[in-house]
Amino acid sequence: MRGSVIAFEGLDQSGKQTQSERLADVLRSEGRQVEFLSFPAYATSVGAEIGLALQGARDYDAATLQLLYIANRYEFRPRVLEWLAAGAVVICDRYLASSIAYGEAQGLDAAWLADVQRFLPAPALTIVLDIPPEVSLQRKGAGRDKFEQDLPLLSRVRASYRRQAEAPDWLLIDGQQDVSVVADAIMRAVRSRLATR
């Protein structure tokens, strides 16, 4: 059985962690091998540098910061390829589309950001949990990093996600719906996608 990458995307507080962990639990209960990654992965050296940048301790331009995010994903590429070869479902809380959305929102070229990531395993399905920036702010009022505080930037990020979600193998879901309604829609889409692989 071939493995699959399922990526969750959206603004902070859109429900990505809740829904990705819920999906992982259901698939494991059905006997599937499931691996879970959350990006950025701060435990690596590249991830630690990203953390410093988000806290304001480093001052990288937009392109450099997105290359760090992408390098952070490449750090896990060998492991992801092994998991996929073993038939695992690899669930990612943020993945390729995050760099395109946040980079594009800061004026970077979306095609370049996609090209730099072309050797990373492509998702079988990318799920965008769509919420307005104002809702993101309401759900997390304190402890927000510099991107999470910039509502005009987040509006552009949301627009990029919605544009990207017009492509095949994407699912755009209203993240303001009840958690169980969102979970049911995700489960239907994932079952359909996994059945064809």
N, C-alpha and C. Protein backbone atom coordinates (compact mmCIF):
# COMPACT_ATOMS: atom_id res chain seq x y z
N MET A 1 0.85 -1.19 0.00
CA MET A 1 0.00 0.00 0.00
C MET A 1 0.88 1.25 0.00
N ARG A 2 0.58 2.16 -0.90
CA ARG A 2 1.32 3.41 -0.92
C ARG A 2 0.85 4.33 0.19
N GLY A 3 1.77 5.06 0.76
CA GLY A 3 1.41 6.02 1.78
C GLY A 3 0.87 7.31 1.18
N SER A 4 0.39 8.19 2.04
CA SER A 4 -0.18 9.46 1.60
C SER A 4 0.15 10.55 2.60
N VAL A 5 0.37 11.74 2.08
CA VAL A 5 0.51 12.92 2.93
C VAL A 5 -0.83 13.65 2.92
N ILE A 6 -1.34 13.96 4.11
CA ILE A 6 -2.53 14.79 4.27
C ILE A 6 -2.09 16.05 5.00
N ALA A 7 -2.26 17.20 4.36
CA ALA A 7 -1.79 18.46 4.94
C ALA A 7 -2.96 19.32 5.40
N PHE A 8 -2.81 19.89 6.58
CA PHE A 8 -3.79 20.83 7.11
C PHE A 8 -3.21 22.23 7.05
N GLU A 9 -4.00 23.17 6.53
CA GLU A 9 -3.55 24.54 6.37
C GLU A 9 -4.62 25.50 6.87
N GLY A 10 -4.23 26.75 7.05
CA GLY A 10 -5.15 27.78 7.50
C GLY A 10 -4.47 28.73 8.45
N LEU A 11 -5.17 29.78 8.81
CA LEU A 11 -4.64 30.74 9.78
C LEU A 11 -4.52 30.08 11.14
N ASP A 12 -3.72 30.68 12.01
CA ASP A 12 -3.62 30.19 13.38
C ASP A 12 -5.00 30.25 14.03
N GLN A 13 -5.27 29.26 14.86
CA GLN A 13 -6.55 29.14 15.57
C GLN A 13 -7.70 28.73 14.66
N SER A 14 -7.40 28.21 13.48
CA SER A 14 -8.46 27.76 12.57
C SER A 14 -8.94 26.35 12.91
N GLY A 15 -8.22 25.67 13.80
CA GLY A 15 -8.61 24.31 14.18
C GLY A 15 -7.73 23.23 13.58
N LYS A 16 -6.59 23.62 13.00
CA LYS A 16 -5.71 22.65 12.34
C LYS A 16 -5.25 21.55 13.29
N GLN A 17 -4.76 21.95 14.46
CA GLN A 17 -4.24 20.95 15.40
C GLN A 17 -5.36 20.02 15.87
N THR A 18 -6.49 20.59 16.24
CA THR A 18 -7.62 19.78 16.71
C THR A 18 -8.04 18.77 15.65
N GLN A 19 -8.22 19.24 14.42
CA GLN A 19 -8.73 18.36 13.37
C GLN A 19 -7.69 17.36 12.89
N SER A 20 -6.43 17.77 12.83
CA SER A 20 -5.40 16.84 12.38
C SER A 20 -5.20 15.73 13.41
N GLU A 21 -5.22 16.07 14.70
CA GLU A 21 -5.08 15.06 15.73
C GLU A 21 -6.30 14.14 15.78
N ARG A 22 -7.46 14.70 15.54
CA ARG A 22 -8.69 13.89 15.51
C ARG A 22 -8.64 12.89 14.36
N LEU A 23 -8.21 13.36 13.20
CA LEU A 23 -8.08 12.47 12.04
C LEU A 23 -7.08 11.36 12.33
N ALA A 24 -5.94 11.72 12.92
CA ALA A 24 -4.92 10.73 13.25
C ALA A 24 -5.48 9.65 14.17
N ASP A 25 -6.26 10.06 15.17
CA ASP A 25 -6.83 9.10 16.12
C ASP A 25 -7.79 8.13 15.42
N VAL A 26 -8.62 8.67 14.52
CA VAL A 26 -9.59 7.80 13.81
C VAL A 26 -8.85 6.81 12.93
N LEU A 27 -7.88 7.28 12.17
CA LEU A 27 -7.16 6.38 11.26
C LEU A 27 -6.38 5.32 12.03
N ARG A 28 -5.78 5.70 13.16
CA ARG A 28 -5.07 4.70 13.98
C ARG A 28 -6.04 3.66 14.53
N SER A 29 -7.24 4.10 14.91
CA SER A 29 -8.22 3.16 15.46
C SER A 29 -8.68 2.16 14.40
N GLU A 30 -8.49 2.52 13.13
CA GLU A 30 -8.84 1.64 12.02
C GLU A 30 -7.67 0.77 11.59
N GLY A 31 -6.56 0.86 12.33
CA GLY A 31 -5.42 0.00 12.06
C GLY A 31 -4.40 0.55 11.08
N ARG A 32 -4.54 1.81 10.72
CA ARG A 32 -3.57 2.40 9.79
C ARG A 32 -2.34 2.91 10.54
N GLN A 33 -1.20 2.84 9.89
CA GLN A 33 0.00 3.48 10.42
C GLN A 33 -0.12 4.97 10.13
N VAL A 34 -0.04 5.77 11.17
CA VAL A 34 -0.17 7.22 11.02
C VAL A 34 1.04 7.89 11.66
N GLU A 35 1.64 8.81 10.94
CA GLU A 35 2.74 9.63 11.47
C GLU A 35 2.28 11.08 11.44
N PHE A 36 2.69 11.85 12.43
CA PHE A 36 2.20 13.22 12.58
C PHE A 36 3.37 14.19 12.66
N LEU A 37 3.30 15.25 11.87
CA LEU A 37 4.31 16.31 11.92
C LEU A 37 3.62 17.66 12.03
N SER A 38 4.22 18.56 12.78
CA SER A 38 3.73 19.92 12.88
C SER A 38 4.87 20.86 12.51
N PHE A 39 4.60 21.75 11.55
CA PHE A 39 5.62 22.69 11.10
C PHE A 39 5.24 24.12 11.47
N PRO A 40 6.25 24.95 11.83
CA PRO A 40 7.65 24.60 11.94
C PRO A 40 7.91 23.64 13.10
N ALA A 41 8.90 22.78 12.90
CA ALA A 41 9.33 21.84 13.93
C ALA A 41 10.49 22.49 14.67
N TYR A 42 10.21 23.08 15.82
CA TYR A 42 11.18 23.92 16.52
C TYR A 42 12.33 23.15 17.15
N ALA A 43 12.22 21.82 17.24
CA ALA A 43 13.26 21.03 17.92
C ALA A 43 14.54 20.89 17.12
N THR A 44 14.50 21.19 15.82
CA THR A 44 15.71 21.10 15.00
C THR A 44 16.47 22.43 15.05
N SER A 45 17.70 22.43 14.54
CA SER A 45 18.48 23.67 14.54
C SER A 45 17.83 24.74 13.66
N VAL A 46 17.32 24.32 12.50
CA VAL A 46 16.63 25.28 11.62
C VAL A 46 15.35 25.77 12.29
N GLY A 47 14.62 24.85 12.92
CA GLY A 47 13.39 25.22 13.60
C GLY A 47 13.64 26.20 14.74
N ALA A 48 14.74 26.00 15.47
CA ALA A 48 15.08 26.91 16.56
C ALA A 48 15.34 28.31 16.02
N GLU A 49 15.98 28.39 14.87
CA GLU A 49 16.25 29.70 14.26
C GLU A 49 14.94 30.39 13.85
N ILE A 50 13.99 29.60 13.33
CA ILE A 50 12.67 30.15 12.98
C ILE A 50 12.00 30.71 14.24
N GLY A 51 12.09 29.94 15.33
CA GLY A 51 11.50 30.40 16.59
C GLY A 51 12.06 31.74 17.04
N LEU A 52 13.37 31.90 16.92
CA LEU A 52 14.00 33.17 17.28
C LEU A 52 13.49 34.31 16.39
N ALA A 53 13.31 34.02 15.11
CA ALA A 53 12.82 35.05 14.19
C ALA A 53 11.39 35.46 14.54
N LEU A 54 10.56 34.48 14.87
CA LEU A 54 9.17 34.80 15.20
C LEU A 54 9.05 35.57 16.51
N GLN A 55 10.03 35.39 17.39
CA GLN A 55 10.03 36.13 18.66
C GLN A 55 10.68 37.51 18.53
N GLY A 56 11.19 37.82 17.33
CA GLY A 56 11.81 39.12 17.11
C GLY A 56 13.29 39.18 17.42
N ALA A 57 13.91 38.02 17.72
CA ALA A 57 15.34 38.00 18.04
C ALA A 57 16.21 37.94 16.79
N ARG A 58 15.62 37.68 15.65
CA ARG A 58 16.33 37.69 14.37
C ARG A 58 15.52 38.56 13.41
N ASP A 59 16.23 39.20 12.47
CA ASP A 59 15.55 40.09 11.53
C ASP A 59 15.84 39.64 10.09
N TYR A 60 15.12 38.61 9.66
CA TYR A 60 15.29 38.10 8.30
C TYR A 60 14.29 38.75 7.36
N ASP A 61 14.70 38.92 6.10
CA ASP A 61 13.72 39.38 5.13
C ASP A 61 12.78 38.22 4.80
N ALA A 62 11.72 38.54 4.05
CA ALA A 62 10.66 37.56 3.80
C ALA A 62 11.19 36.32 3.08
N ALA A 63 12.05 36.51 2.08
CA ALA A 63 12.55 35.37 1.32
C ALA A 63 13.41 34.46 2.18
N THR A 64 14.28 35.04 2.98
CA THR A 64 15.15 34.24 3.84
C THR A 64 14.33 33.44 4.85
N LEU A 65 13.32 34.08 5.43
CA LEU A 65 12.50 33.39 6.42
C LEU A 65 11.74 32.22 5.78
N GLN A 66 11.19 32.43 4.59
CA GLN A 66 10.47 31.33 3.92
C GLN A 66 11.43 30.20 3.54
N LEU A 67 12.65 30.54 3.16
CA LEU A 67 13.63 29.48 2.87
C LEU A 67 13.96 28.69 4.13
N LEU A 68 13.96 29.34 5.29
CA LEU A 68 14.16 28.61 6.54
C LEU A 68 12.98 27.66 6.81
N TYR A 69 11.76 28.14 6.60
CA TYR A 69 10.60 27.27 6.77
C TYR A 69 10.71 26.05 5.85
N ILE A 70 11.10 26.29 4.61
CA ILE A 70 11.20 25.21 3.64
C ILE A 70 12.32 24.25 4.01
N ALA A 71 13.46 24.81 4.46
CA ALA A 71 14.57 23.96 4.91
C ALA A 71 14.14 23.08 6.08
N ASN A 72 13.30 23.61 6.94
CA ASN A 72 12.79 22.86 8.08
C ASN A 72 12.00 21.64 7.61
N ARG A 73 11.25 21.79 6.53
CA ARG A 73 10.51 20.64 5.97
C ARG A 73 11.47 19.65 5.31
N TYR A 74 12.48 20.16 4.64
CA TYR A 74 13.45 19.26 4.01
C TYR A 74 14.21 18.44 5.05
N GLU A 75 14.37 18.97 6.26
CA GLU A 75 15.01 18.19 7.31
C GLU A 75 14.28 16.87 7.56
N PHE A 76 12.97 16.86 7.33
CA PHE A 76 12.16 15.68 7.59
C PHE A 76 11.89 14.85 6.34
N ARG A 77 12.40 15.30 5.19
CA ARG A 77 12.11 14.59 3.94
C ARG A 77 12.52 13.12 3.98
N PRO A 78 13.73 12.75 4.42
CA PRO A 78 14.09 11.32 4.43
C PRO A 78 13.13 10.48 5.27
N ARG A 79 12.75 11.02 6.42
CA ARG A 79 11.84 10.30 7.30
C ARG A 79 10.46 10.14 6.65
N VAL A 80 9.97 11.21 6.03
CA VAL A 80 8.65 11.15 5.38
C VAL A 80 8.67 10.13 4.24
N LEU A 81 9.73 10.12 3.46
CA LEU A 81 9.82 9.15 2.37
C LEU A 81 9.82 7.72 2.90
N GLU A 82 10.50 7.48 4.01
CA GLU A 82 10.48 6.14 4.63
C GLU A 82 9.07 5.76 5.07
N TRP A 83 8.39 6.69 5.71
CA TRP A 83 7.03 6.43 6.17
C TRP A 83 6.10 6.12 5.00
N LEU A 84 6.22 6.91 3.94
CA LEU A 84 5.36 6.71 2.77
C LEU A 84 5.64 5.35 2.12
N ALA A 85 6.92 4.98 2.05
CA ALA A 85 7.28 3.69 1.48
C ALA A 85 6.69 2.54 2.29
N ALA A 86 6.50 2.77 3.60
CA ALA A 86 5.93 1.74 4.48
C ALA A 86 4.40 1.76 4.47
N GLY A 87 3.81 2.68 3.69
CA GLY A 87 2.36 2.73 3.58
C GLY A 87 1.67 3.61 4.60
N ALA A 88 2.42 4.44 5.29
CA ALA A 88 1.83 5.28 6.34
C ALA A 88 1.05 6.45 5.77
N VAL A 89 0.10 6.92 6.58
CA VAL A 89 -0.54 8.21 6.32
C VAL A 89 0.23 9.23 7.14
N VAL A 90 0.81 10.21 6.48
CA VAL A 90 1.60 11.25 7.14
C VAL A 90 0.74 12.51 7.21
N ILE A 91 0.35 12.89 8.41
CA ILE A 91 -0.50 14.06 8.61
C ILE A 91 0.38 15.23 9.04
N CYS A 92 0.26 16.34 8.31
CA CYS A 92 1.08 17.52 8.59
C CYS A 92 0.19 18.69 9.01
N ASP A 93 0.50 19.26 10.16
CA ASP A 93 -0.12 20.50 10.60
C ASP A 93 0.77 21.62 10.04
N ARG A 94 0.38 22.15 8.92
CA ARG A 94 1.12 23.06 8.04
C ARG A 94 2.10 22.26 7.19
N TYR A 95 2.20 22.69 5.91
CA TYR A 95 3.12 22.01 5.00
C TYR A 95 3.46 22.96 3.85
N LEU A 96 3.49 22.47 2.63
CA LEU A 96 3.98 23.26 1.50
C LEU A 96 3.23 24.57 1.29
N ALA A 97 1.91 24.52 1.42
CA ALA A 97 1.09 25.69 1.09
C ALA A 97 1.30 26.86 2.03
N SER A 98 1.80 26.60 3.24
CA SER A 98 2.02 27.69 4.19
C SER A 98 3.06 28.68 3.66
N SER A 99 4.15 28.16 3.10
CA SER A 99 5.17 29.07 2.57
C SER A 99 4.64 29.86 1.39
N ILE A 100 3.81 29.23 0.57
CA ILE A 100 3.23 29.95 -0.57
C ILE A 100 2.29 31.03 -0.06
N ALA A 101 1.43 30.70 0.90
CA ALA A 101 0.45 31.66 1.39
C ALA A 101 1.12 32.84 2.11
N TYR A 102 2.01 32.53 3.05
CA TYR A 102 2.64 33.62 3.81
C TYR A 102 3.67 34.36 2.96
N GLY A 103 4.39 33.64 2.10
CA GLY A 103 5.35 34.30 1.22
C GLY A 103 4.67 35.20 0.21
N GLU A 104 3.62 34.69 -0.41
CA GLU A 104 2.87 35.48 -1.38
C GLU A 104 2.28 36.72 -0.71
N ALA A 105 1.82 36.57 0.53
CA ALA A 105 1.25 37.71 1.26
C ALA A 105 2.30 38.79 1.54
N GLN A 106 3.58 38.40 1.48
CA GLN A 106 4.67 39.37 1.70
C GLN A 106 5.35 39.76 0.40
N GLY A 107 4.71 39.45 -0.72
CA GLY A 107 5.21 39.91 -2.01
C GLY A 107 6.15 38.96 -2.73
N LEU A 108 6.33 37.74 -2.22
CA LEU A 108 7.19 36.78 -2.90
C LEU A 108 6.43 36.07 -4.01
N ASP A 109 7.16 35.50 -4.94
CA ASP A 109 6.57 34.85 -6.10
C ASP A 109 6.09 33.44 -5.72
N ALA A 110 4.81 33.18 -5.93
CA ALA A 110 4.23 31.89 -5.54
C ALA A 110 4.86 30.74 -6.32
N ALA A 111 5.14 30.97 -7.60
CA ALA A 111 5.72 29.90 -8.43
C ALA A 111 7.12 29.54 -7.93
N TRP A 112 7.89 30.54 -7.53
CA TRP A 112 9.23 30.27 -6.98
C TRP A 112 9.13 29.46 -5.69
N LEU A 113 8.21 29.85 -4.81
CA LEU A 113 8.05 29.13 -3.55
C LEU A 113 7.61 27.68 -3.77
N ALA A 114 6.78 27.46 -4.78
CA ALA A 114 6.38 26.09 -5.11
C ALA A 114 7.55 25.31 -5.69
N ASP A 115 8.34 25.95 -6.54
CA ASP A 115 9.45 25.28 -7.20
C ASP A 115 10.53 24.85 -6.20
N VAL A 116 10.81 25.69 -5.22
CA VAL A 116 11.83 25.37 -4.22
C VAL A 116 11.43 24.12 -3.42
N GLN A 117 10.14 23.86 -3.34
CA GLN A 117 9.63 22.73 -2.56
C GLN A 117 9.30 21.50 -3.40
N ARG A 118 9.69 21.51 -4.67
CA ARG A 118 9.22 20.46 -5.59
C ARG A 118 9.75 19.07 -5.25
N PHE A 119 10.84 18.98 -4.48
CA PHE A 119 11.38 17.67 -4.12
C PHE A 119 10.83 17.15 -2.78
N LEU A 120 9.92 17.89 -2.18
CA LEU A 120 9.23 17.40 -0.99
C LEU A 120 8.02 16.58 -1.44
N PRO A 121 7.68 15.51 -0.72
CA PRO A 121 6.53 14.69 -1.12
C PRO A 121 5.26 15.53 -1.20
N ALA A 122 4.55 15.41 -2.30
CA ALA A 122 3.33 16.20 -2.50
C ALA A 122 2.17 15.61 -1.70
N PRO A 123 1.31 16.45 -1.16
CA PRO A 123 0.14 15.93 -0.44
C PRO A 123 -0.85 15.24 -1.39
N ALA A 124 -1.45 14.17 -0.90
CA ALA A 124 -2.58 13.57 -1.62
C ALA A 124 -3.81 14.46 -1.46
N LEU A 125 -3.86 15.18 -0.33
CA LEU A 125 -4.98 16.07 -0.04
C LEU A 125 -4.49 17.19 0.86
N THR A 126 -4.85 18.42 0.51
CA THR A 126 -4.56 19.58 1.36
C THR A 126 -5.89 20.15 1.82
N ILE A 127 -6.07 20.25 3.13
CA ILE A 127 -7.31 20.71 3.74
C ILE A 127 -7.08 22.09 4.32
N VAL A 128 -7.84 23.07 3.84
CA VAL A 128 -7.74 24.44 4.36
C VAL A 128 -8.94 24.70 5.26
N LEU A 129 -8.67 25.01 6.52
CA LEU A 129 -9.72 25.41 7.45
C LEU A 129 -9.78 26.93 7.40
N ASP A 130 -10.83 27.44 6.77
CA ASP A 130 -10.92 28.85 6.42
C ASP A 130 -11.64 29.64 7.51
N ILE A 131 -10.95 30.61 8.09
CA ILE A 131 -11.56 31.55 9.04
C ILE A 131 -11.06 32.96 8.72
N PRO A 132 -11.86 33.98 9.03
CA PRO A 132 -11.38 35.36 8.87
C PRO A 132 -10.29 35.68 9.89
N PRO A 133 -9.39 36.60 9.57
CA PRO A 133 -8.34 36.98 10.52
C PRO A 133 -8.89 37.45 11.86
N GLU A 134 -10.04 38.12 11.83
CA GLU A 134 -10.62 38.63 13.07
C GLU A 134 -10.99 37.49 14.02
N VAL A 135 -11.43 36.37 13.45
CA VAL A 135 -11.78 35.20 14.26
C VAL A 135 -10.51 34.60 14.87
N SER A 136 -9.45 34.55 14.07
CA SER A 136 -8.16 34.07 14.59
C SER A 136 -7.73 34.91 15.79
N LEU A 137 -7.88 36.22 15.68
CA LEU A 137 -7.49 37.13 16.77
C LEU A 137 -8.36 36.91 18.01
N GLN A 138 -9.67 36.71 17.80
CA GLN A 138 -10.58 36.47 18.93
C GLN A 138 -10.23 35.18 19.67
N ARG A 139 -9.83 34.16 18.92
CA ARG A 139 -9.56 32.86 19.52
C ARG A 139 -8.24 32.82 20.27
N LYS A 140 -7.33 33.72 19.93
CA LYS A 140 -6.04 33.78 20.62
C LYS A 140 -5.65 35.24 20.75
N GLY A 141 -6.01 35.84 21.86
CA GLY A 141 -5.76 37.26 22.04
C GLY A 141 -4.37 37.59 22.54
N ALA A 142 -3.73 36.62 23.24
CA ALA A 142 -2.43 36.89 23.84
C ALA A 142 -1.38 35.92 23.31
N GLY A 143 -0.12 36.31 23.42
CA GLY A 143 0.98 35.43 23.03
C GLY A 143 1.10 35.22 21.53
N ARG A 144 0.66 36.19 20.74
CA ARG A 144 0.71 36.04 19.29
C ARG A 144 2.06 36.51 18.76
N ASP A 145 2.60 35.77 17.75
CA ASP A 145 3.87 36.19 17.16
C ASP A 145 3.62 37.35 16.19
N LYS A 146 4.69 37.83 15.56
CA LYS A 146 4.56 39.05 14.76
C LYS A 146 3.64 38.87 13.56
N PHE A 147 3.55 37.65 13.00
CA PHE A 147 2.64 37.42 11.88
C PHE A 147 1.20 37.36 12.37
N GLU A 148 0.99 36.76 13.53
CA GLU A 148 -0.36 36.59 14.06
C GLU A 148 -1.01 37.91 14.45
N GLN A 149 -0.21 38.96 14.62
CA GLN A 149 -0.74 40.26 15.03
C GLN A 149 -1.07 41.17 13.84
N ASP A 150 -0.70 40.77 12.64
CA ASP A 150 -0.80 41.63 11.45
C ASP A 150 -2.04 41.25 10.65
N LEU A 151 -3.18 41.90 10.94
CA LEU A 151 -4.44 41.53 10.28
C LEU A 151 -4.43 41.75 8.77
N PRO A 152 -3.87 42.85 8.25
CA PRO A 152 -3.81 42.99 6.79
C PRO A 152 -3.00 41.86 6.13
N LEU A 153 -1.89 41.47 6.76
CA LEU A 153 -1.10 40.36 6.24
C LEU A 153 -1.93 39.08 6.25
N LEU A 154 -2.62 38.82 7.36
CA LEU A 154 -3.42 37.60 7.46
C LEU A 154 -4.55 37.58 6.45
N SER A 155 -5.09 38.74 6.10
CA SER A 155 -6.12 38.79 5.06
C SER A 155 -5.54 38.35 3.72
N ARG A 156 -4.30 38.76 3.44
CA ARG A 156 -3.66 38.33 2.19
C ARG A 156 -3.31 36.84 2.23
N VAL A 157 -2.91 36.35 3.40
CA VAL A 157 -2.63 34.92 3.56
C VAL A 157 -3.90 34.12 3.28
N ARG A 158 -5.01 34.56 3.86
CA ARG A 158 -6.28 33.87 3.64
C ARG A 158 -6.64 33.86 2.15
N ALA A 159 -6.45 34.99 1.49
CA ALA A 159 -6.77 35.07 0.05
C ALA A 159 -5.90 34.09 -0.74
N SER A 160 -4.64 33.94 -0.37
CA SER A 160 -3.76 33.00 -1.06
C SER A 160 -4.24 31.57 -0.85
N TYR A 161 -4.58 31.23 0.39
CA TYR A 161 -5.09 29.88 0.66
C TYR A 161 -6.34 29.60 -0.19
N ARG A 162 -7.24 30.56 -0.24
CA ARG A 162 -8.49 30.35 -0.99
C ARG A 162 -8.19 30.20 -2.48
N ARG A 163 -7.22 30.95 -2.99
CA ARG A 163 -6.83 30.80 -4.39
C ARG A 163 -6.22 29.43 -4.63
N GLN A 164 -5.29 29.02 -3.76
CA GLN A 164 -4.66 27.72 -3.93
C GLN A 164 -5.67 26.59 -3.86
N ALA A 165 -6.70 26.76 -3.03
CA ALA A 165 -7.69 25.69 -2.81
C ALA A 165 -8.59 25.45 -4.02
N GLU A 166 -8.44 26.26 -5.05
CA GLU A 166 -9.20 26.02 -6.28
C GLU A 166 -8.59 24.87 -7.09
N ALA A 167 -7.40 24.44 -6.72
CA ALA A 167 -6.71 23.37 -7.45
C ALA A 167 -7.29 22.00 -7.06
N PRO A 168 -7.05 20.98 -7.90
CA PRO A 168 -7.46 19.62 -7.52
C PRO A 168 -6.72 19.17 -6.25
N ASP A 169 -7.29 18.19 -5.58
CA ASP A 169 -6.68 17.61 -4.37
C ASP A 169 -6.64 18.58 -3.20
N TRP A 170 -7.56 19.54 -3.21
CA TRP A 170 -7.69 20.48 -2.11
C TRP A 170 -9.12 20.43 -1.59
N LEU A 171 -9.28 20.73 -0.31
CA LEU A 171 -10.60 20.83 0.31
C LEU A 171 -10.62 22.10 1.15
N LEU A 172 -11.55 23.02 0.83
CA LEU A 172 -11.72 24.26 1.58
C LEU A 172 -12.95 24.11 2.47
N ILE A 173 -12.76 24.26 3.77
CA ILE A 173 -13.84 24.06 4.74
C ILE A 173 -13.99 25.31 5.60
N ASP A 174 -15.22 25.69 5.87
CA ASP A 174 -15.50 26.81 6.77
C ASP A 174 -15.12 26.39 8.18
N GLY A 175 -14.04 26.96 8.70
CA GLY A 175 -13.53 26.60 10.01
C GLY A 175 -14.33 27.16 11.17
N GLN A 176 -15.38 27.92 10.88
CA GLN A 176 -16.23 28.45 11.95
C GLN A 176 -17.39 27.51 12.29
N GLN A 177 -17.52 26.44 11.52
CA GLN A 177 -18.57 25.47 11.80
C GLN A 177 -18.25 24.67 13.07
N ASP A 178 -19.26 23.93 13.55
CA ASP A 178 -19.05 23.07 14.70
C ASP A 178 -17.91 22.09 14.42
N VAL A 179 -17.13 21.79 15.46
CA VAL A 179 -15.95 20.93 15.32
C VAL A 179 -16.32 19.57 14.70
N SER A 180 -17.44 19.00 15.12
CA SER A 180 -17.82 17.68 14.60
C SER A 180 -18.26 17.74 13.15
N VAL A 181 -18.87 18.84 12.74
CA VAL A 181 -19.27 19.01 11.33
C VAL A 181 -18.02 19.08 10.46
N VAL A 182 -17.04 19.85 10.91
CA VAL A 182 -15.77 19.96 10.17
C VAL A 182 -15.09 18.59 10.10
N ALA A 183 -15.05 17.88 11.23
CA ALA A 183 -14.41 16.57 11.28
C ALA A 183 -15.06 15.58 10.32
N ASP A 184 -16.39 15.61 10.24
CA ASP A 184 -17.10 14.69 9.34
C ASP A 184 -16.76 14.98 7.89
N ALA A 185 -16.70 16.26 7.52
CA ALA A 185 -16.35 16.63 6.15
C ALA A 185 -14.94 16.19 5.81
N ILE A 186 -14.03 16.37 6.75
CA ILE A 186 -12.64 15.95 6.55
C ILE A 186 -12.56 14.44 6.38
N MET A 187 -13.27 13.71 7.22
CA MET A 187 -13.21 12.25 7.18
C MET A 187 -13.72 11.72 5.85
N ARG A 188 -14.80 12.31 5.35
CA ARG A 188 -15.33 11.87 4.04
C ARG A 188 -14.31 12.10 2.93
N ALA A 189 -13.68 13.28 2.95
CA ALA A 189 -12.70 13.60 1.91
C ALA A 189 -11.48 12.70 2.00
N VAL A 190 -11.02 12.44 3.21
CA VAL A 190 -9.83 11.59 3.40
C VAL A 190 -10.13 10.16 2.98
N ARG A 191 -11.28 9.63 3.37
CA ARG A 191 -11.63 8.25 2.98
C ARG A 191 -11.70 8.13 1.47
N SER A 192 -12.27 9.13 0.83
CA SER A 192 -12.37 9.11 -0.63
C SER A 192 -10.97 9.13 -1.26
N ARG A 193 -10.09 9.97 -0.71
CA ARG A 193 -8.74 10.09 -1.26
C ARG A 193 -7.93 8.82 -1.03
N LEU A 194 -8.00 8.26 0.18
CA LEU A 194 -7.22 7.06 0.49
C LEU A 194 -7.72 5.85 -0.29
N ALA A 195 -9.00 5.83 -0.61
CA ALA A 195 -9.57 4.70 -1.34
C ALA A 195 -9.02 4.61 -2.77
N THR A 196 -8.53 5.72 -3.29
CA THR A 196 -8.03 5.73 -4.67
C THR A 196 -6.52 5.51 -4.74
N ARG A 197 -5.89 5.30 -3.59
CA ARG A 197 -4.43 5.17 -3.57
C ARG A 197 -4.01 3.76 -3.22
